[in-house]
C-alpha atoms as a PDB file:
ATOM      1  CA  MET A   1     -66.378  32.934 113.797  1.00  0.00           C
ATOM      2  CA  VAL A   2     -64.783  35.708 112.807  1.00  0.00           C
ATOM      3  CA  TRP A   3     -66.932  36.775 110.536  1.00  0.00           C
ATOM      4  CA  LEU A   4     -69.881  36.511 112.382  1.00  0.00           C
ATOM      5  CA  TRP A   5     -68.348  38.756 115.281  1.00  0.00           C
ATOM      6  CA  VAL A   6     -67.638  41.369 112.454  1.00  0.00           C
ATOM      7  CA  GLY A   7     -71.065  40.997 111.552  1.00  0.00           C
ATOM      8  CA  TRP A   8     -72.578  41.012 115.299  1.00  0.00           C
ATOM      9  CA  ALA A   9     -70.237  44.112 115.889  1.00  0.00           C
ATOM     10  CA  VAL A  10     -71.521  46.292 112.347  1.00  0.00           C
ATOM     11  CA  ALA A  11     -75.518  45.337 113.489  1.00  0.00           C
ATOM     12  CA  ALA A  12     -74.900  46.731 117.205  1.00  0.00           C
ATOM     13  CA  LEU A  13     -73.016  50.164 115.858  1.00  0.00           C
ATOM     14  CA  VAL A  14     -75.984  50.881 113.666  1.00  0.00           C
ATOM     15  CA  ALA A  15     -78.177  50.005 115.870  1.00  0.00           C
ATOM     16  CA  VAL A  16     -76.881  52.566 118.794  1.00  0.00           C
ATOM     17  CA  VAL A  17     -77.165  55.005 116.338  1.00  0.00           C
ATOM     18  CA  TRP A  18     -81.190  54.121 115.787  1.00  0.00           C
ATOM     19  CA  PHE A  19     -81.411  53.710 119.042  1.00  0.00           C
ATOM     20  CA  ARG A  20     -79.936  57.307 119.872  1.00  0.00           C
ATOM     21  CA  ARG A  21     -82.027  58.507 116.904  1.00  0.00           C
ATOM     22  CA  LEU A  22     -85.019  57.336 118.511  1.00  0.00           C
ATOM     23  CA  LEU A  23     -84.319  59.264 121.757  1.00  0.00           C
ATOM     24  CA  GLN A  24     -83.642  62.450 119.760  1.00  0.00           C
ATOM     25  CA  PRO A  25     -85.304  62.604 116.640  1.00  0.00           C
ATOM     26  CA  LEU A  26     -84.426  64.875 113.916  1.00  0.00           C
ATOM     27  CA  GLN A  27     -86.730  67.906 113.770  1.00  0.00           C
ATOM     28  CA  PRO A  28     -87.777  69.875 112.357  1.00  0.00           C
ATOM     29  CA  TYR A  29     -85.864  68.586 109.299  1.00  0.00           C
ATOM     30  CA  PRO A  30     -87.651  67.784 105.604  1.00  0.00           C
ATOM     31  CA  PRO A  31     -87.838  63.260 105.457  1.00  0.00           C
ATOM     32  CA  GLU A  32     -85.081  63.327 102.862  1.00  0.00           C
ATOM     33  CA  VAL A  33     -82.600  65.844 105.371  1.00  0.00           C
ATOM     34  CA  ALA A  34     -83.575  63.539 108.520  1.00  0.00           C
ATOM     35  CA  ALA A  35     -82.503  60.385 105.751  1.00  0.00           C
ATOM     36  CA  PHE A  36     -78.548  61.826 104.597  1.00  0.00           C
ATOM     37  CA  LEU A  37     -78.515  62.953 108.518  1.00  0.00           C
ATOM     38  CA  LEU A  38     -79.642  59.064 109.605  1.00  0.00           C
ATOM     39  CA  ARG A  39     -77.115  57.786 106.731  1.00  0.00           C
ATOM     40  CA  PHE A  40     -74.527  60.066 107.093  1.00  0.00           C
ATOM     41  CA  GLU A  41     -74.029  59.151 111.145  1.00  0.00           C
ATOM     42  CA  THR A  42     -75.028  55.531 110.577  1.00  0.00           C
ATOM     43  CA  GLU A  43     -71.847  55.040 107.671  1.00  0.00           C
ATOM     44  CA  LEU A  44     -69.533  58.037 110.435  1.00  0.00           C
ATOM     45  CA  ALA A  45     -70.009  54.563 112.821  1.00  0.00           C
ATOM     46  CA  LEU A  46     -69.643  52.057 110.215  1.00  0.00           C
ATOM     47  CA  ARG A  47     -66.631  53.141 107.933  1.00  0.00           C
ATOM     48  CA  HIS A  48     -65.057  56.086 110.704  1.00  0.00           C
ATOM     49  CA  PRO A  49     -65.322  54.340 114.522  1.00  0.00           C
ATOM     50  CA  GLY A  50     -63.187  57.299 115.982  1.00  0.00           C
ATOM     51  CA  VAL A  51     -65.251  59.998 115.245  1.00  0.00           C
ATOM     52  CA  LEU A  52     -67.949  60.636 116.939  1.00  0.00           C
ATOM     53  CA  PHE A  53     -71.263  62.454 115.737  1.00  0.00           C
ATOM     54  CA  LEU A  54     -71.904  65.538 118.886  1.00  0.00           C
ATOM     55  CA  GLY A  55     -75.219  66.759 116.813  1.00  0.00           C
ATOM     56  CA  MET A  56     -76.452  69.350 114.727  1.00  0.00           C
ATOM     57  CA  LEU A  57     -75.185  72.994 114.952  1.00  0.00           C
ATOM     58  CA  GLY A  58     -78.212  76.221 115.550  1.00  0.00           C
ATOM     59  CA  GLU A  59     -76.313  78.140 113.078  1.00  0.00           C
ATOM     60  CA  GLY A  60     -76.979  76.938 109.052  1.00  0.00           C
ATOM     61  CA  PHE A  61     -77.150  73.019 108.039  1.00  0.00           C
ATOM     62  CA  GLY A  62     -73.913  71.731 109.763  1.00  0.00           C
ATOM     63  CA  CYS A  63     -73.272  69.529 112.600  1.00  0.00           C
ATOM     64  CA  LEU A  64     -70.692  69.189 115.375  1.00  0.00           C
ATOM     65  CA  LEU A  65     -67.954  66.019 114.754  1.00  0.00           C
ATOM     66  CA  ARG A  66     -65.439  65.157 117.615  1.00  0.00           C
ATOM     67  CA  VAL A  67     -62.429  64.116 115.178  1.00  0.00           C
ATOM     68  CA  ASP A  68     -58.852  63.062 116.880  1.00  0.00           C
ATOM     69  CA  GLY A  69     -60.205  64.332 120.255  1.00  0.00           C
ATOM     70  CA  GLN A  70     -61.426  68.135 118.862  1.00  0.00           C
ATOM     71  CA  GLU A  71     -64.828  69.430 118.669  1.00  0.00           C
ATOM     72  CA  VAL A  72     -65.073  70.855 114.972  1.00  0.00           C
ATOM     73  CA  PRO A  73     -68.400  72.104 113.288  1.00  0.00           C
ATOM     74  CA  VAL A  74     -69.051  70.784 109.785  1.00  0.00           C
ATOM     75  CA  GLY A  75     -70.986  72.421 106.563  1.00  0.00           C
ATOM     76  CA  LEU A  76     -73.125  69.680 105.288  1.00  0.00           C
ATOM     77  CA  ALA A  77     -74.846  71.225 102.467  1.00  0.00           C
ATOM     78  CA  ALA A  78     -72.813  70.642 100.217  1.00  0.00           C
ATOM     79  CA  ALA A  79     -72.604  66.854 101.411  1.00  0.00           C
ATOM     80  CA  PHE A  80     -76.271  66.351 100.898  1.00  0.00           C
ATOM     81  CA  ARG A  81     -76.431  68.178  97.225  1.00  0.00           C
ATOM     82  CA  ARG A  82     -74.034  64.716  96.507  1.00  0.00           C
ATOM     83  CA  ALA A  83     -75.290  62.304  98.373  1.00  0.00           C
ATOM     84  CA  GLU A  84     -78.867  63.407  95.697  1.00  0.00           C
ATOM     85  CA  ALA A  85     -76.805  63.790  92.956  1.00  0.00           C
ATOM     86  CA  PHE A  86     -74.647  60.256  93.257  1.00  0.00           C
ATOM     87  CA  PRO A  87     -76.233  58.217  96.206  1.00  0.00           C
ATOM     88  CA  SER A  88     -74.185  55.212  95.847  1.00  0.00           C
ATOM     89  CA  ALA A  89     -71.451  57.280  96.253  1.00  0.00           C
ATOM     90  CA  PHE A  90     -71.919  58.129  99.326  1.00  0.00           C
ATOM     91  CA  PRO A  91     -69.376  55.968 101.556  1.00  0.00           C
ATOM     92  CA  ALA A  92     -67.168  58.092  99.362  1.00  0.00           C
ATOM     93  CA  MET A  93     -68.459  61.152 100.284  1.00  0.00           C
ATOM     94  CA  VAL A  94     -68.367  60.500 104.029  1.00  0.00           C
ATOM     95  CA  ASP A  95     -64.510  59.356 103.496  1.00  0.00           C
ATOM     96  CA  SER A  96     -63.263  62.734 101.244  1.00  0.00           C
ATOM     97  CA  LEU A  97     -65.630  64.505 104.216  1.00  0.00           C
ATOM     98  CA  VAL A  98     -63.347  62.789 107.227  1.00  0.00           C
ATOM     99  CA  ALA A  99     -60.198  63.110 104.747  1.00  0.00           C
ATOM    100  CA  GLU A 100     -60.669  66.821 104.266  1.00  0.00           C
ATOM    101  CA  VAL A 101     -61.556  67.193 108.131  1.00  0.00           C
ATOM    102  CA  ARG A 102     -58.170  65.714 109.283  1.00  0.00           C
ATOM    103  CA  GLU A 103     -56.252  67.790 106.662  1.00  0.00           C
ATOM    104  CA  ARG A 104     -57.856  71.069 107.133  1.00  0.00           C
ATOM    105  CA  GLY A 105     -60.074  71.504 109.826  1.00  0.00           C
ATOM    106  CA  LEU A 106     -58.165  70.505 112.659  1.00  0.00           C
ATOM    107  CA  ASP A 107     -55.384  72.460 114.935  1.00  0.00           C
ATOM    108  CA  ARG A 108     -52.811  70.857 115.338  1.00  0.00           C
ATOM    109  CA  VAL A 109     -52.230  71.437 118.622  1.00  0.00           C
ATOM    110  CA  ASP A 110     -49.073  69.777 119.545  1.00  0.00           C
ATOM    111  CA  ASP A 111     -47.931  71.845 116.202  1.00  0.00           C
ATOM    112  CA  CYS A 112     -49.159  75.146 117.875  1.00  0.00           C
ATOM    113  CA  GLU A 113     -46.743  76.332 120.317  1.00  0.00           C
ATOM    114  CA  PHE A 114     -47.522  79.254 122.744  1.00  0.00           C
ATOM    115  CA  ALA A 115     -44.486  81.846 121.300  1.00  0.00           C
ATOM    116  CA  ALA A 116     -46.649  81.688 117.871  1.00  0.00           C
ATOM    117  CA  ALA A 117     -50.364  81.595 119.506  1.00  0.00           C
ATOM    118  CA  ALA A 118     -49.490  84.501 121.718  1.00  0.00           C
ATOM    119  CA  PRO A 119     -49.967  87.128 119.529  1.00  0.00           C
ATOM    120  CA  ARG A 120     -52.913  85.703 117.503  1.00  0.00           C
ATOM    121  CA  LEU A 121     -55.541  85.037 120.946  1.00  0.00           C
ATOM    122  CA  LEU A 122     -58.293  87.039 121.064  1.00  0.00           C
ATOM    123  CA  PRO A 123     -61.407  87.419 122.664  1.00  0.00           C
ATOM    124  CA  GLN A 124     -64.966  86.001 121.833  1.00  0.00           C
ATOM    125  CA  VAL A 125     -68.334  86.918 123.667  1.00  0.00           C
ATOM    126  CA  ARG A 126     -70.569  84.291 122.779  1.00  0.00           C
ATOM    127  CA  SER A 127     -73.942  82.515 124.698  1.00  0.00           C
ATOM    128  CA  ARG A 128     -73.658  79.609 126.579  1.00  0.00           C
ATOM    129  CA  GLN A 129     -76.020  78.065 124.666  1.00  0.00           C
ATOM    130  CA  TRP A 130     -73.300  78.189 122.036  1.00  0.00           C
ATOM    131  CA  LEU A 131     -71.134  76.814 124.529  1.00  0.00           C
ATOM    132  CA  GLU A 132     -73.226  73.773 125.351  1.00  0.00           C
ATOM    133  CA  GLN A 133     -73.382  72.679 121.884  1.00  0.00           C
ATOM    134  CA  ARG A 134     -69.693  72.994 121.186  1.00  0.00           C
ATOM    135  CA  GLY A 135     -68.786  70.574 124.894  1.00  0.00           C
ATOM    136  CA  CYS A 136     -67.438  71.892 127.045  1.00  0.00           C
ATOM    137  CA  PHE A 137     -65.977  68.344 128.993  1.00  0.00           C
ATOM    138  CA  GLY A 138     -62.526  66.889 128.642  1.00  0.00           C
ATOM    139  CA  ASP A 139     -59.410  68.288 126.749  1.00  0.00           C
ATOM    140  CA  SER A 140     -61.554  68.985 123.825  1.00  0.00           C
ATOM    141  CA  GLY A 141     -63.904  71.160 125.767  1.00  0.00           C
ATOM    142  CA  LEU A 142     -63.585  75.273 124.913  1.00  0.00           C
ATOM    143  CA  VAL A 143     -61.643  77.085 127.622  1.00  0.00           C
ATOM    144  CA  HIS A 144     -63.876  80.148 128.809  1.00  0.00           C
ATOM    145  CA  ARG A 145     -64.878  82.385 131.419  1.00  0.00           C
ATOM    146  CA  PRO A 146     -68.275  83.064 132.517  1.00  0.00           C
ATOM    147  CA  LEU A 147     -69.739  87.035 131.952  1.00  0.00           C
ATOM    148  CA  HIS A 148     -73.381  86.452 132.356  1.00  0.00           C
ATOM    149  CA  ARG A 149     -75.906  84.057 133.848  1.00  0.00           C
ATOM    150  CA  ASP A 150     -75.929  83.664 130.035  1.00  0.00           C
ATOM    151  CA  LEU A 151     -73.013  84.753 128.289  1.00  0.00           C
ATOM    152  CA  VAL A 152     -69.687  83.509 128.230  1.00  0.00           C
ATOM    153  CA  VAL A 153     -65.826  84.672 126.948  1.00  0.00           C
ATOM    154  CA  VAL A 154     -63.815  82.139 125.094  1.00  0.00           C
ATOM    155  CA  TYR A 155     -60.975  82.594 123.059  1.00  0.00           C
ATOM    156  CA  ALA A 156     -59.743  82.428 119.514  1.00  0.00           C
ATOM    157  CA  LEU A 157     -56.646  81.893 117.364  1.00  0.00           C
ATOM    158  CA  ASP A 158     -57.328  84.214 114.726  1.00  0.00           C
ATOM    159  CA  ASP A 159     -54.980  84.302 111.919  1.00  0.00           C
ATOM    160  CA  GLY A 160     -57.121  86.849 109.415  1.00  0.00           C
ATOM    161  CA  GLN A 161     -57.840  83.535 107.556  1.00  0.00           C
ATOM    162  CA  SER A 162     -59.139  81.121 109.961  1.00  0.00           C
ATOM    163  CA  MET A 163     -60.252  80.718 113.725  1.00  0.00           C
ATOM    164  CA  VAL A 164     -59.125  78.254 115.632  1.00  0.00           C
ATOM    165  CA  PHE A 165     -61.096  78.053 119.141  1.00  0.00           C
ATOM    166  CA  VAL A 166     -58.736  77.242 121.982  1.00  0.00           C
ATOM    167  CA  CYS A 167     -59.221  74.368 124.208  1.00  0.00           C
ATOM    168  CA  ARG A 168     -58.165  72.648 127.286  1.00  0.00           C
ATOM    169  CA  ALA A 169     -55.707  70.511 125.526  1.00  0.00           C
ATOM    170  CA  HIS A 170     -54.237  73.911 123.847  1.00  0.00           C
ATOM    171  CA  LEU A 171     -53.696  75.060 128.102  1.00  0.00           C
ATOM    172  CA  GLN A 172     -52.192  71.654 129.432  1.00  0.00           C
ATOM    173  CA  ARG A 173     -49.656  72.035 126.087  1.00  0.00           C
ATOM    174  CA  TRP A 174     -48.825  76.022 126.682  1.00  0.00           C
ATOM    175  CA  ARG A 175     -48.513  75.014 130.867  1.00  0.00           C
ATOM    176  CA  ARG A 176     -50.828  78.358 131.301  1.00  0.00           C
ATOM    177  CA  THR A 177     -53.882  78.706 132.563  1.00  0.00           C
ATOM    178  CA  VAL A 178     -57.720  81.251 131.528  1.00  0.00           C
ATOM    179  CA  ASP A 179     -55.832  83.654 133.095  1.00  0.00           C
ATOM    180  CA  ASP A 180     -53.283  84.034 131.982  1.00  0.00           C
ATOM    181  CA  VAL A 181     -55.078  83.445 128.046  1.00  0.00           C
ATOM    182  CA  HIS A 182     -57.678  85.877 128.903  1.00  0.00           C
ATOM    183  CA  ASN A 183     -54.973  88.902 130.584  1.00  0.00           C
ATOM    184  CA  LEU A 184     -53.065  88.687 126.773  1.00  0.00           C
ATOM    185  CA  ALA A 185     -56.268  87.715 124.763  1.00  0.00           C
ATOM    186  CA  LEU A 186     -57.528  91.781 126.367  1.00  0.00           C
ATOM    187  CA  ALA A 187     -54.078  93.245 125.593  1.00  0.00           C
ATOM    188  CA  ASN A 188     -54.282  91.984 121.800  1.00  0.00           C
ATOM    189  CA  LEU A 189     -57.467  93.170 121.757  1.00  0.00           C
ATOM    190  CA  ALA A 190     -56.956  96.787 123.178  1.00  0.00           C
ATOM    191  CA  ALA A 191     -53.806  96.983 120.122  1.00  0.00           C
ATOM    192  CA  ARG A 192     -55.977  96.294 117.464  1.00  0.00           C
ATOM    193  CA  SER A 193     -59.040  98.195 118.865  1.00  0.00           C
ATOM    194  CA  ASP A 194     -59.514 102.554 118.501  1.00  0.00           C
ATOM    195  CA  ALA A 195     -60.870 103.313 122.379  1.00  0.00           C
ATOM    196  CA  ARG A 196     -62.817 106.371 120.590  1.00  0.00           C
ATOM    197  CA  GLN A 197     -65.016 103.881 119.711  1.00  0.00           C
ATOM    198  CA  LEU A 198     -66.420 102.554 123.164  1.00  0.00           C
ATOM    199  CA  GLN A 199     -67.189 106.045 123.880  1.00  0.00           C
ATOM    200  CA  VAL A 200     -70.842 106.554 124.626  1.00  0.00           C
ATOM    201  CA  PRO A 201     -72.561 110.097 123.711  1.00  0.00           C
ATOM    202  CA  ALA A 202     -75.033 111.445 125.729  1.00  0.00           C
ATOM    203  CA  ASP A 203     -76.987 111.765 122.738  1.00  0.00           C
ATOM    204  CA  GLN A 204     -77.232 108.636 120.498  1.00  0.00           C
ATOM    205  CA  PRO A 205     -76.583 105.073 120.656  1.00  0.00           C
ATOM    206  CA  VAL A 206     -73.272 103.493 119.588  1.00  0.00           C
ATOM    207  CA  LEU A 207     -73.716 100.563 117.165  1.00  0.00           C
ATOM    208  CA  LEU A 208     -70.394  98.607 116.874  1.00  0.00           C
ATOM    209  CA  ARG A 209     -70.640  96.343 113.158  1.00  0.00           C
ATOM    210  CA  SER A 210     -66.550  95.677 112.279  1.00  0.00           C
ATOM    211  CA  GLY A 211     -67.162  92.736 111.360  1.00  0.00           C
ATOM    212  CA  ASP A 212     -64.405  90.879 112.511  1.00  0.00           C
ATOM    213  CA  GLY A 213     -66.449  89.252 115.815  1.00  0.00           C
ATOM    214  CA  TYR A 214     -65.160  90.961 118.532  1.00  0.00           C
ATOM    215  CA  ASP A 215     -67.051  94.245 119.134  1.00  0.00           C
ATOM    216  CA  ALA A 216     -69.073  92.682 121.782  1.00  0.00           C
ATOM    217  CA  ALA A 217     -65.631  92.011 123.454  1.00  0.00           C
ATOM    218  CA  ARG A 218     -64.545  95.074 123.075  1.00  0.00           C
ATOM    219  CA  ALA A 219     -67.779  97.153 124.856  1.00  0.00           C
ATOM    220  CA  LEU A 220     -68.028  94.746 127.877  1.00  0.00           C
ATOM    221  CA  LEU A 221     -64.224  93.969 128.338  1.00  0.00           C
ATOM    222  CA  LEU A 222     -62.335  96.331 127.246  1.00  0.00           C
ATOM    223  CA  ALA A 223     -63.968  99.350 129.025  1.00  0.00           C
ATOM    224  CA  PRO A 224     -66.274  98.588 132.047  1.00  0.00           C
ATOM    225  CA  PRO A 225     -69.363  99.801 131.073  1.00  0.00           C
ATOM    226  CA  GLN A 226     -71.166 102.961 132.846  1.00  0.00           C
ATOM    227  CA  GLU A 227     -73.598 102.155 135.552  1.00  0.00           C
ATOM    228  CA  GLY A 228     -76.940 102.432 133.955  1.00  0.00           C
ATOM    229  CA  LEU A 229     -75.909 101.395 130.191  1.00  0.00           C
ATOM    230  CA  LEU A 230     -78.455  99.061 128.385  1.00  0.00           C
ATOM    231  CA  VAL A 231     -76.239  97.027 126.090  1.00  0.00           C
ATOM    232  CA  ALA A 232     -77.542  94.677 123.178  1.00  0.00           C
ATOM    233  CA  VAL A 233     -75.374  91.528 121.586  1.00  0.00           C
ATOM    234  CA  PRO A 234     -77.880  90.260 119.275  1.00  0.00           C
ATOM    235  CA  ASP A 235     -74.947  88.819 116.787  1.00  0.00           C
ATOM    236  CA  ARG A 236     -71.377  87.907 117.171  1.00  0.00           C
ATOM    237  CA  ASP A 237     -70.546  90.757 114.837  1.00  0.00           C
ATOM    238  CA  THR A 238     -74.257  93.610 116.338  1.00  0.00           C
ATOM    239  CA  LEU A 239     -72.891  95.183 119.764  1.00  0.00           C
ATOM    240  CA  TRP A 240     -75.327  98.356 120.643  1.00  0.00           C
ATOM    241  CA  PHE A 241     -75.308 100.346 123.475  1.00  0.00           C
ATOM    242  CA  SER A 242     -76.110 103.566 125.210  1.00  0.00           C
ATOM    243  CA  THR A 243     -78.070 105.898 128.398  1.00  0.00           C
ATOM    244  CA  ALA A 244     -81.326 104.229 128.558  1.00  0.00           C
ATOM    245  CA  ALA A 245     -82.307 108.465 128.614  1.00  0.00           C
ATOM    246  CA  GLY A 246     -85.063 108.738 125.787  1.00  0.00           C
ATOM    247  CA  GLN A 247     -85.043 105.061 124.800  1.00  0.00           C
ATOM    248  CA  ASP A 248     -88.222 103.170 123.719  1.00  0.00           C
ATOM    249  CA  LEU A 249     -87.608  99.851 125.917  1.00  0.00           C
ATOM    250  CA  ALA A 250     -90.138  97.441 124.264  1.00  0.00           C
ATOM    251  CA  THR A 251     -88.949  98.943 120.548  1.00  0.00           C
ATOM    252  CA  LEU A 252     -85.401  98.205 121.607  1.00  0.00           C
ATOM    253  CA  MET A 253     -86.291  94.729 123.278  1.00  0.00           C
ATOM    254  CA  ALA A 254     -88.459  94.126 119.696  1.00  0.00           C
ATOM    255  CA  THR A 255     -85.574  94.994 117.355  1.00  0.00           C
ATOM    256  CA  THR A 256     -83.082  93.140 119.341  1.00  0.00           C
ATOM    257  CA  GLU A 257     -84.766  89.460 119.625  1.00  0.00           C
ATOM    258  CA  ASP A 258     -85.521  90.346 115.582  1.00  0.00           C
ATOM    259  CA  LEU A 259     -81.861  91.001 114.725  1.00  0.00           C
ATOM    260  CA  ALA A 260     -81.004  87.727 117.071  1.00  0.00           C
ATOM    261  CA  GLN A 261     -82.720  85.193 115.293  1.00  0.00           C
ATOM    262  CA  GLN A 262     -81.595  86.731 111.387  1.00  0.00           C
ATOM    263  CA  ALA A 263     -78.187  86.729 112.918  1.00  0.00           C
ATOM    264  CA  ALA A 264     -75.415  84.622 111.396  1.00  0.00           C
ATOM    265  CA  HIS A 265     -74.004  84.234 114.793  1.00  0.00           C
ATOM    266  CA  PRO A 266     -76.552  84.613 117.482  1.00  0.00           C
ATOM    267  CA  VAL A 267     -75.525  85.444 120.622  1.00  0.00           C
ATOM    268  CA  SER A 268     -78.545  87.053 122.595  1.00  0.00           C
ATOM    269  CA  PRO A 269     -81.890  88.163 121.607  1.00  0.00           C
ATOM    270  CA  GLN A 270     -81.865  89.865 125.219  1.00  0.00           C
ATOM    271  CA  LEU A 271     -81.550  93.592 126.119  1.00  0.00           C
ATOM    272  CA  TRP A 272     -79.237  94.347 129.310  1.00  0.00           C
ATOM    273  CA  ARG A 273     -78.698  97.198 131.899  1.00  0.00           C
ATOM    274  CA  VAL A 274     -75.943  97.162 133.493  1.00  0.00           C
ATOM    275  CA  THR A 275     -76.188  96.839 137.158  1.00  0.00           C
ATOM    276  CA  ASN A 276     -73.264  97.231 140.228  1.00  0.00           C
ATOM    277  CA  GLY A 277     -70.723  96.199 137.482  1.00  0.00           C
ATOM    278  CA  GLY A 278     -72.779  93.149 135.989  1.00  0.00           C
ATOM    279  CA  PHE A 279     -75.440  93.399 133.935  1.00  0.00           C
ATOM    280  CA  GLU A 280     -79.201  92.453 134.491  1.00  0.00           C
ATOM    281  CA  ALA A 281     -81.797  91.382 131.593  1.00  0.00           C
ATOM    282  CA  VAL A 282     -84.696  94.083 130.381  1.00  0.00           C
ATOM    283  CA  SER A 283     -87.519  93.535 131.861  1.00  0.00           C
ATOM    284  CA  ALA A 284     -90.995  94.513 129.967  1.00  0.00           C
ATOM    285  CA  PRO A 285     -92.565  97.744 130.396  1.00  0.00           C
ATOM    286  CA  GLN A 286     -95.807  97.378 132.500  1.00  0.00           C
END
C-alpha cells in the first residue's frame, strides 16, 4: 500500500507539471530546449518538492526558482549543456544545481542583521514588469516603491561582489519600514555619487553609464529632474537625459527602443518627459 501511495503521488506531481505546461507552453524555445525545461521542472517536482519553478526570466536563458521561501534567478545554460553531454546524469545535475543555489545563491535573512546591511543598501530603478516576473507577494516578495506607472524602485544589498534584493522578510527581521530602507538607500547612493554628473547642460544631452547599476536612481531620485526634461532609461546601466530644445524626438524614441531591446538588463523602451514632478510618456511626433 505504501508503494502504491508513493507511485500515485509521483504520478500526480508529473501530471501537475505537464498540465501547467499545457497552459503555459515553453515557447518560443526550440524542441530540445523545451524538452530540457520540461524534464528539469519534472525532476524538481519529484526530487525537491520544496523548490518551486516560477517561470523563465526575460533576460538570458534562466529561470526563477523559489528556494526555502526566497526567489532566486538561476542560469540554465551550463545545465543544458551538461544535460546534452550526459543525459543519464540529469537527476544528479538537478541535485547539484539545487545544492549550489542553497549554498551560494540564497541570502540568509536570519544571518543578515540591520547594522551589517545598512551600509550596503542602495536603490535601483527597475520596470514593473521586471518586478512582477520576480514575484511581489508573501515574505519573499521584493520591497519596492512606485516611481511611475511602469517604473519602480527596489533595494539591493550590494557589497561590490554580489547583489541581493531586499525582500519583505528582511523588513520583518530588521523591524524597519519601506520608508526607512528608502531614505537610508538614498543617503548611501548620495555618498557614492558625484553631484556634477547630474547637472544638465543647456546645449547637449548627458549620458550616464557607470556600469554599477544605479545611474537611473542617481538622476531620478537624488536630484528632482527639472520640468520638461527628457529622460530615457533603456538599461539598468544606461541613463540619458537632456533638455527638449533641439532634440529629434523620433530619433530619440527609436534609439531608446533599440537600446532596450539589446540591453542585458532592460528597464524601459519609453522616452519620458518630466511633467508636474512626475513622468509622462513622450508620444511619437505626428
